[in-house]
Amino acid sequence: MQLQFNLPEIDRDRTKEAVEQALETYRLYSLQVSLDRLPSITACYSFTPPSPRLPSSSTEQAAIANIDYEQARLKYINWIANAVNRLSKTERIIIYKRYLQDTEMFDYQIYAELNMSERNYYRLKARLFYKLAFALKIEVLKEAVGR
């Protein structure tokens, strides 16, 4: 008896878009300064007693928001970095140069720098998008027809 696996079909274009969006978000997060939310300095008077569990001042609320945002940002950066680190050396170079460094490079610059043919470069790049999509668990499946 032979086991059969029915793997769902991947939507290539939407999966590529999802990976590129994740890498662009990484680039933006890596450039951000963490203290974007500052407390308001306008006095606010209230007759309600402060709750011992909830922050009552805007300074406390801003500090909590900053910490939460910073934790989410660092978690996202680590999520992407861990997935990229699973790739081969050449694949990591392509991803870094094309999507993660501050100055954007074009594909033709990268494959010329790596002494690769254009065809081999795009073939490798397509494969590494699938690897990243599966590592990040953001692959997009094709919709089943007739459901």
C-alpha atoms as a PDB file:
ATOM      1  CA  MET A   1       0.000   0.000   0.000  1.00  0.00           C
ATOM      2  CA  GLN A   2       1.450   3.325  -1.054  1.00  0.00           C
ATOM      3  CA  LEU A   3       0.719   6.581   0.721  1.00  0.00           C
ATOM      4  CA  GLN A   4      -0.397   9.497  -1.383  1.00  0.00           C
ATOM      5  CA  PHE A   5      -0.129  13.088  -0.379  1.00  0.00           C
ATOM      6  CA  ASN A   6      -2.413  15.631  -1.953  1.00  0.00           C
ATOM      7  CA  LEU A   7      -0.451  18.821  -1.590  1.00  0.00           C
ATOM      8  CA  PRO A   8      -2.401  21.988  -2.281  1.00  0.00           C
ATOM      9  CA  GLU A   9      -1.277  24.077  -5.233  1.00  0.00           C
ATOM     10  CA  ILE A  10       0.557  27.306  -4.454  1.00  0.00           C
ATOM     11  CA  ASP A  11      -0.476  30.603  -6.049  1.00  0.00           C
ATOM     12  CA  ARG A  12       2.922  31.747  -7.326  1.00  0.00           C
ATOM     13  CA  ASP A  13       2.147  35.425  -7.843  1.00  0.00           C
ATOM     14  CA  ARG A  14       0.342  35.985  -4.563  1.00  0.00           C
ATOM     15  CA  THR A  15       2.985  34.030  -2.637  1.00  0.00           C
ATOM     16  CA  LYS A  16       5.732  36.166  -4.185  1.00  0.00           C
ATOM     17  CA  GLU A  17       3.791  39.318  -3.247  1.00  0.00           C
ATOM     18  CA  ALA A  18       3.387  38.079   0.330  1.00  0.00           C
ATOM     19  CA  VAL A  19       7.126  37.410   0.670  1.00  0.00           C
ATOM     20  CA  GLU A  20       8.058  40.764  -0.883  1.00  0.00           C
ATOM     21  CA  GLN A  21       5.627  42.543   1.470  1.00  0.00           C
ATOM     22  CA  ALA A  22       7.140  40.764   4.486  1.00  0.00           C
ATOM     23  CA  LEU A  23      10.647  41.759   3.389  1.00  0.00           C
ATOM     24  CA  GLU A  24       9.590  45.373   2.811  1.00  0.00           C
ATOM     25  CA  THR A  25       8.027  45.496   6.284  1.00  0.00           C
ATOM     26  CA  TYR A  26      11.305  44.147   7.679  1.00  0.00           C
ATOM     27  CA  ARG A  27      13.221  46.910   5.911  1.00  0.00           C
ATOM     28  CA  LEU A  28      10.894  49.574   7.315  1.00  0.00           C
ATOM     29  CA  TYR A  29      10.983  48.129  10.838  1.00  0.00           C
ATOM     30  CA  SER A  30      14.765  47.972  10.807  1.00  0.00           C
ATOM     31  CA  LEU A  31      14.942  51.691   9.986  1.00  0.00           C
ATOM     32  CA  GLN A  32      12.462  52.891  12.597  1.00  0.00           C
ATOM     33  CA  VAL A  33      13.259  54.638  15.811  1.00  0.00           C
ATOM     34  CA  SER A  34      11.428  52.924  18.630  1.00  0.00           C
ATOM     35  CA  LEU A  35      10.129  55.957  20.540  1.00  0.00           C
ATOM     36  CA  ASP A  36       7.528  57.206  18.090  1.00  0.00           C
ATOM     37  CA  ARG A  37       4.744  57.608  20.625  1.00  0.00           C
ATOM     38  CA  LEU A  38       5.348  60.403  23.055  1.00  0.00           C
ATOM     39  CA  PRO A  39       3.073  61.348  25.976  1.00  0.00           C
ATOM     40  CA  SER A  40       0.811  64.349  25.697  1.00  0.00           C
ATOM     41  CA  ILE A  41       1.693  67.227  27.993  1.00  0.00           C
ATOM     42  CA  THR A  42      -1.799  68.686  28.244  1.00  0.00           C
ATOM     43  CA  ALA A  43      -3.135  68.439  31.768  1.00  0.00           C
ATOM     44  CA  CYS A  44      -6.274  66.387  32.148  1.00  0.00           C
ATOM     45  CA  TYR A  45      -8.284  66.599  35.351  1.00  0.00           C
ATOM     46  CA  SER A  46     -10.663  63.864  36.292  1.00  0.00           C
ATOM     47  CA  PHE A  47     -12.749  63.106  39.345  1.00  0.00           C
ATOM     48  CA  THR A  48     -12.672  59.363  38.775  1.00  0.00           C
ATOM     49  CA  PRO A  49     -10.241  57.571  41.035  1.00  0.00           C
ATOM     50  CA  PRO A  50      -7.357  55.930  39.202  1.00  0.00           C
ATOM     51  CA  SER A  51      -7.605  52.201  38.619  1.00  0.00           C
ATOM     52  CA  PRO A  52      -4.782  50.220  40.232  1.00  0.00           C
ATOM     53  CA  ARG A  53      -4.603  47.904  37.180  1.00  0.00           C
ATOM     54  CA  LEU A  54      -4.770  50.378  34.299  1.00  0.00           C
ATOM     55  CA  PRO A  55      -2.331  53.196  33.550  1.00  0.00           C
ATOM     56  CA  SER A  56      -3.947  56.520  34.241  1.00  0.00           C
ATOM     57  CA  SER A  57      -1.567  59.088  32.808  1.00  0.00           C
ATOM     58  CA  SER A  58      -0.699  59.653  29.192  1.00  0.00           C
ATOM     59  CA  THR A  59       2.961  59.128  30.086  1.00  0.00           C
ATOM     60  CA  GLU A  60       2.224  55.628  31.381  1.00  0.00           C
ATOM     61  CA  GLN A  61       0.027  54.850  28.372  1.00  0.00           C
ATOM     62  CA  ALA A  62       2.724  56.086  25.959  1.00  0.00           C
ATOM     63  CA  ALA A  63       5.399  54.058  27.731  1.00  0.00           C
ATOM     64  CA  ILE A  64       3.300  50.893  27.541  1.00  0.00           C
ATOM     65  CA  ALA A  65       2.494  51.524  23.861  1.00  0.00           C
ATOM     66  CA  ASN A  66       6.194  52.069  23.114  1.00  0.00           C
ATOM     67  CA  ILE A  67       7.198  48.862  24.854  1.00  0.00           C
ATOM     68  CA  ASP A  68       4.459  46.842  23.136  1.00  0.00           C
ATOM     69  CA  TYR A  69       5.341  48.268  19.741  1.00  0.00           C
ATOM     70  CA  GLU A  70       9.062  47.707  20.248  1.00  0.00           C
ATOM     71  CA  GLN A  71       8.482  44.092  21.298  1.00  0.00           C
ATOM     72  CA  ALA A  72       6.299  43.453  18.234  1.00  0.00           C
ATOM     73  CA  ARG A  73       8.849  45.141  15.961  1.00  0.00           C
ATOM     74  CA  LEU A  74      11.764  43.104  17.335  1.00  0.00           C
ATOM     75  CA  LYS A  75       9.737  39.891  17.145  1.00  0.00           C
ATOM     76  CA  TYR A  76       8.983  40.595  13.455  1.00  0.00           C
ATOM     77  CA  ILE A  77      12.630  41.408  12.691  1.00  0.00           C
ATOM     78  CA  ASN A  78      13.772  38.172  14.364  1.00  0.00           C
ATOM     79  CA  TRP A  79      11.066  36.190  12.527  1.00  0.00           C
ATOM     80  CA  ILE A  80      12.339  37.371   9.141  1.00  0.00           C
ATOM     81  CA  ALA A  81      16.029  37.068  10.100  1.00  0.00           C
ATOM     82  CA  ASN A  82      15.573  33.463  11.263  1.00  0.00           C
ATOM     83  CA  ALA A  83      13.874  32.512   7.992  1.00  0.00           C
ATOM     84  CA  VAL A  84      16.526  34.234   5.858  1.00  0.00           C
ATOM     85  CA  ASN A  85      19.295  32.534   7.852  1.00  0.00           C
ATOM     86  CA  ARG A  86      17.916  29.126   6.799  1.00  0.00           C
ATOM     87  CA  LEU A  87      18.739  29.900   3.162  1.00  0.00           C
ATOM     88  CA  SER A  88      22.004  29.058   1.435  1.00  0.00           C
ATOM     89  CA  LYS A  89      24.781  31.643   1.316  1.00  0.00           C
ATOM     90  CA  THR A  90      24.002  32.725  -2.256  1.00  0.00           C
ATOM     91  CA  GLU A  91      20.275  32.926  -1.510  1.00  0.00           C
ATOM     92  CA  ARG A  92      20.939  35.070   1.574  1.00  0.00           C
ATOM     93  CA  ILE A  93      23.136  37.403  -0.467  1.00  0.00           C
ATOM     94  CA  ILE A  94      20.380  37.839  -3.057  1.00  0.00           C
ATOM     95  CA  ILE A  95      17.709  38.554  -0.445  1.00  0.00           C
ATOM     96  CA  TYR A  96      19.919  40.930   1.503  1.00  0.00           C
ATOM     97  CA  LYS A  97      21.125  42.920  -1.505  1.00  0.00           C
ATOM     98  CA  ARG A  98      17.721  43.073  -3.194  1.00  0.00           C
ATOM     99  CA  TYR A  99      15.360  43.562  -0.247  1.00  0.00           C
ATOM    100  CA  LEU A 100      17.018  44.150   3.113  1.00  0.00           C
ATOM    101  CA  GLN A 101      19.860  46.620   2.788  1.00  0.00           C
ATOM    102  CA  ASP A 102      19.281  50.372   2.966  1.00  0.00           C
ATOM    103  CA  THR A 103      20.224  51.104  -0.629  1.00  0.00           C
ATOM    104  CA  GLU A 104      18.112  49.158  -3.064  1.00  0.00           C
ATOM    105  CA  MET A 105      19.862  47.201  -5.801  1.00  0.00           C
ATOM    106  CA  PHE A 106      18.266  45.969  -8.990  1.00  0.00           C
ATOM    107  CA  ASP A 107      18.259  42.346 -10.088  1.00  0.00           C
ATOM    108  CA  TYR A 108      20.643  42.911 -13.006  1.00  0.00           C
ATOM    109  CA  GLN A 109      23.186  44.486 -10.652  1.00  0.00           C
ATOM    110  CA  ILE A 110      23.012  41.530  -8.295  1.00  0.00           C
ATOM    111  CA  TYR A 111      23.392  38.761 -10.869  1.00  0.00           C
ATOM    112  CA  ALA A 112      26.243  40.647 -12.527  1.00  0.00           C
ATOM    113  CA  GLU A 113      27.977  41.035  -9.155  1.00  0.00           C
ATOM    114  CA  LEU A 114      27.495  37.334  -8.405  1.00  0.00           C
ATOM    115  CA  ASN A 115      28.712  36.300 -11.876  1.00  0.00           C
ATOM    116  CA  MET A 116      25.466  34.445 -12.534  1.00  0.00           C
ATOM    117  CA  SER A 117      23.538  34.185 -15.750  1.00  0.00           C
ATOM    118  CA  GLU A 118      20.239  36.024 -15.791  1.00  0.00           C
ATOM    119  CA  ARG A 119      18.359  32.762 -16.248  1.00  0.00           C
ATOM    120  CA  ASN A 120      20.036  31.001 -13.310  1.00  0.00           C
ATOM    121  CA  TYR A 121      19.541  34.070 -11.120  1.00  0.00           C
ATOM    122  CA  TYR A 122      15.789  34.242 -11.730  1.00  0.00           C
ATOM    123  CA  ARG A 123      15.438  30.485 -11.341  1.00  0.00           C
ATOM    124  CA  LEU A 124      17.240  30.611  -7.977  1.00  0.00           C
ATOM    125  CA  LYS A 125      15.260  33.674  -6.902  1.00  0.00           C
ATOM    126  CA  ALA A 126      11.943  31.950  -7.669  1.00  0.00           C
ATOM    127  CA  ARG A 127      12.974  28.915  -5.594  1.00  0.00           C
ATOM    128  CA  LEU A 128      14.121  31.011  -2.673  1.00  0.00           C
ATOM    129  CA  PHE A 129      10.766  32.834  -2.592  1.00  0.00           C
ATOM    130  CA  TYR A 130       9.099  29.460  -2.045  1.00  0.00           C
ATOM    131  CA  LYS A 131      11.586  28.540   0.649  1.00  0.00           C
ATOM    132  CA  LEU A 132      10.996  31.832   2.431  1.00  0.00           C
ATOM    133  CA  ALA A 133       7.229  31.569   2.064  1.00  0.00           C
ATOM    134  CA  PHE A 134       7.231  28.127   3.675  1.00  0.00           C
ATOM    135  CA  ALA A 135       9.724  29.135   6.372  1.00  0.00           C
ATOM    136  CA  LEU A 136       7.584  32.171   7.250  1.00  0.00           C
ATOM    137  CA  LYS A 137       4.341  30.209   6.785  1.00  0.00           C
ATOM    138  CA  ILE A 138       2.927  32.858   4.456  1.00  0.00           C
ATOM    139  CA  GLU A 139       2.473  30.789   1.316  1.00  0.00           C
ATOM    140  CA  VAL A 140      -0.766  31.529  -0.525  1.00  0.00           C
ATOM    141  CA  LEU A 141      -2.732  28.554  -1.799  1.00  0.00           C
ATOM    142  CA  LYS A 142      -4.775  28.559  -4.991  1.00  0.00           C
ATOM    143  CA  GLU A 143      -8.511  28.575  -4.479  1.00  0.00           C
ATOM    144  CA  ALA A 144     -10.084  25.230  -5.209  1.00  0.00           C
ATOM    145  CA  VAL A 145     -12.449  25.462  -8.180  1.00  0.00           C
ATOM    146  CA  GLY A 146     -15.946  24.090  -7.729  1.00  0.00           C
ATOM    147  CA  ARG A 147     -16.211  24.366  -3.952  1.00  0.00           C
END
